[in-house]
Amino acid sequence: MRLSADSPQLQGIECPLCREVTKPPKTGLPPDKWASHLQRATTGQLRLKSSTDISFCDPCMLVNERNTARYCCIDCGEKICIDCEKTHKRFRPTRDHKVFELTIDNQRSQLEQMQEIQKLLMCDKHSDKPIEFYCEEDEEVFCSTCAFIDHRSCSDVQEIDNEYDQGKPMRTVKKIFTNMKETLDNYSKIYTSYEKDLNEDHSKLKATVHDAKVKLIKSIERSENKLIAESKAATDAFVHGCRNDLKEIKTRSDYVSLSTNTAQYCLRNDIGKKAHFIVKCKLEKRLDQINEQTGELSADFDSKFKRLKLVDNMDYVFPQTGVLGKMEEYSQILEVPSSNDIREMSEKNNLVPTFDLASPAGQLSKQKSYFVSCDFFTDEIGVFSDQRNRRVVMYSINNNDILAQLKPKSYPWTVVTSGKDVLVSFPDEKKVVVFDEHLRKKRELHLKGMSASFQLELPDTIFTMIQSGIASSPAKFDLISGKPKECLARNLKIEETPDHFHLDEERLYWSCERINTVIAYDYQNDAKEFEYSHSDLVWPTGIDTDFDGNIYICGLKSRNIHVLENGGTLLRVFDLSSYNISPTFIRVSENGEDVIILGDANNTGPF
């Protein structure tokens, strides 16, 4: 419908089909002002109503007629009856509208699907504009506004007409979504089963703890009765011995009192010199005997005066022994079926050397090489830095062939690939050199104070460690100019400059070899997240992460690789001792299917 401004006689809105004029309400405003407040209709506004009126024709409802809706017009966004459907076909403006027949039993479902189709036909950024163009370069569909604003520089923008058809067939797309739905249903079943298992685990644990409590109470009661009986018997024995000693002491005390009175009597009375001498000698001998007996009594005090106390009581024994037991978490391994069109997230069940000195890849290490770093140029091509022979090698892993190599003047260290460029650090000269895909030099960047290791944080940013004495701190440099950039982790100071660190989208990881610990640091928020150490991880070195966020840590002296989940929980340990590999470096390919491991100088690999 349009506002009638052509004729001064028409004071309302004229329908382009029946030419009937609808007068505005009595607002006192002219028609153009009144019409400007009306909400603009879009082709995506399919009105879903309640189950009580969903079956009625929308245009007929406007004139208070209730006719059953048999069709749905996508362009108008309305349900229409048989008569209105005929009218749609009769008039030129609506003749080409997309009209679909509604089944009586499934009207709401069909309308929801129509609404979804109309939503998909509209631009994501401009919901009121239909999609009209397709960019083959970006593989996007968009409206005319997006074509003018966002895709002016694109070379292959095509207008979509009724005959245009690119990409996968709709049948294939439907199959992909069907497979995805099956996979999500499988996940739903697994989580439902998991919730049931958790409740069962809680019930079992509750029952087990109750049984342990009952057994513990009975054990405590038996222990109580035994301790009380033992205490009673020991106390009776100690009391009996104490009474016997008291009796003997009283006898000696009476004997001493008698001797004292006798000596006093001799001093007060004259019993003759002869008798006085004899009595004195006998009393002195008696005194020596009593002193000797008293000395024996005092010398035996420690063994006589015994006491009772309770040791290793509940305050000590219960927390130390954990009578009721401890709870322990374990991971349940689940096999989740996946669709053919969803990326398979398979677990690497084993790490096996893919080539060694005896294989065609032996030409990489036949010069007694010592590889300290590598990176995937593609999934099939790797770039290695050989410190012992002072060379950088580009190698085809599938074809076992050296594609290119160079021999610089100084010793190469870290290798990082970016698109068609290869970046190599030379710590002796404190620089990073950028080579092309044929290992031809493009430019070099002198980064003052940088460590041997570095990484690309963004396509245009180098992340490394700046040394200050034995300590270091993170730093960023522009890949083109080599100028410093602002680093978020301003408060991070590492006591020893790490030779091995890894930076992903969320964290900075580095190895502390001397304390056998790996630290994960949130450099965006400038805070440490967790530390990982394990009795079977000795001298951690190389670190990398895969597309799932799992963390791979090389244990040089423990000859293994620890795999952690993103939160730092150990998933598994790969033992490499049977291959005589002491890993120093690990790199996981972007597809997550291939891993390159470098060993120490005695068995450098690559593997």
Foldseek 3Di string as FASTA:
>chain_A
DDCDPPDPVQQARADPQPRDGDHDPPPVDGHVVRVVPDDDDALLQQDDDDPVQLQFWPVCVVVPDGDGFFKAWSRRNTGHHPVVVVSLCVDPVNVPTDMGTDDPVQRNVVSVVSSVVLQVQAAPVDSRFGWFKAQPVVRDTHGPVCCVPPVVPGDGIGTDDPPDDDDDDPVVVVVVVVQVVVLVVLVVVVVVVVVVVVVVVVVVLVVLLVVLVVVVVVVVVVVVVVVVVVVVVVVVVLVVLVVVVVVVVVVLVVVVVVLVVVLVVVVVDPPDPVVSVVSVVVSVVVVVVSVVVVVVVVVCVVVNDDDDDDPPDCVRVCVVVVSSDDDDDDDDDDDRDGDPPDQDPDDDPADDAPDACVDLLVVVCVVLFFWAEKADQAPQWMWTFTQVQQKIWIAGNVVSDTQAMDHDPAGWHYWDHDNQWIWIFGQVQQKIFIAGNRRHTDDMARAPQFDRDWYDADSFKIWTWGDDPQKTDIWIAGNPHRHTDDFQLPPDMGNGGAPEWDDDNAWIWGADQVVQKIWTAGRNNNGTQDIDHDPLAHRWAYWDAAPQQWIWIFRQVSQWIWIHHNNGHTDDIHHRVVVVFRFHYKYAHHSRPDMWTAGGSVGGDGD
